[in-house]
Amino acid sequence: MPRRPLEILNFTAIGLLCLVAGIAAAVGRLPAWPGVISRYVLMIVFLFLITALARGEDALPAALRIPVNFYPMAIIPMIYESLGVLIPAVRGQSRDAWLIAADRALFHVDPTVWLEKFLWPPLTNLLFLAYTTYYFFPVILGVRLWQRDPALARRFIFGLSLAFYLSYVGYFLIPARGPRVALAGQQNVALETTTLSRTISGTLNELEHTKDDAFPSGHTMITVFCLLVAYRQDRKLFRAWLPIGVLLIFSTIYCRFHYAVDVFAGLALAFAALPLATRLYAWLQAPGRFFPETASTNLP
């Protein structure tokens, strides 16, 4: 049995995905099942290796302690990529129509179409750049926390991993491709009119093979989750990143990646994920359950 909550969380998540893939394969809905399940099996083997290393972490050289704790930064993107074939196999067609209807009920317009009147190439460049900061902020915050207190960083990585997994549940519940696909016929003004915007958009389209990932907005959820942690633990970083985070959240709609309801869902889940992670971490570390230790379990 793994000793750390992080490994228990990851074993559980990958095990459930492996089960879902197995069921989809059994009913003939996942032709690519050998590759998908093999990937999950390799991840499980990797987690056993991490578990063995983590049990003797205090004796490890400093160079090994970093990957033993920060490995989710690599494994979570691999899990995300595996969803590209698994979500359609399980859920079938995308449900963009539901989200479009929700946006129209709230605003009586399609927000991405309405925002066309404000398109401005310099602003477009700025917002596409802000959108990409999603990939760096969690790493920067994790490193800052590690430098201050490795135990704090471990709890943050656990909470961050849980937040990602919660967003993946949303992809299965309401798979959607987003307005840049579903509302392409409604848009009257081209968005990607600059070299920078075309480069960023094209690169993301090429690298991200999971397309049914609009609901909730993972960019919003993870960014807000990190901002909440930074507010508690590193006010200087929080103040520096808050304007970028605000631009990022706005960019998800302006750049046509998300519906407004995706953003609202991401905000709500970010605020829910932090206390949920705190309680789950504490539960997993409770004496007599899985671990002998009784260390402090409050998340950042």
Foldseek 3Di string as FASTA:
>chain_A
DFAAPLLVVVCVLLVVLLVLLVVLVVVPLQPPSVVLNVVSVVVNVVSVVLSVCVVVVVPDPPVVNCCSQVVCLPVVVVVQQSVLRSLCSQAPDAQVVVLQVVLCVVPVDFLQQVCPVVADVVLLLLLLVLQVCLSPLLVVLLVVVCVVPVVQSSLSVLLLVVLSSVLVVQLNVGFHQFCVPVVVVVHDDDRQPDPNNCVSVVVCVVPRSRRRRAAAPSSLQSLVLSLVLCVVPPVVVNVVCVVSSVSNLVSCSNVGRYTPVNNVRSVVSNVVSQVVSLVSSQVSDPDPPRHPDNDDRHHD
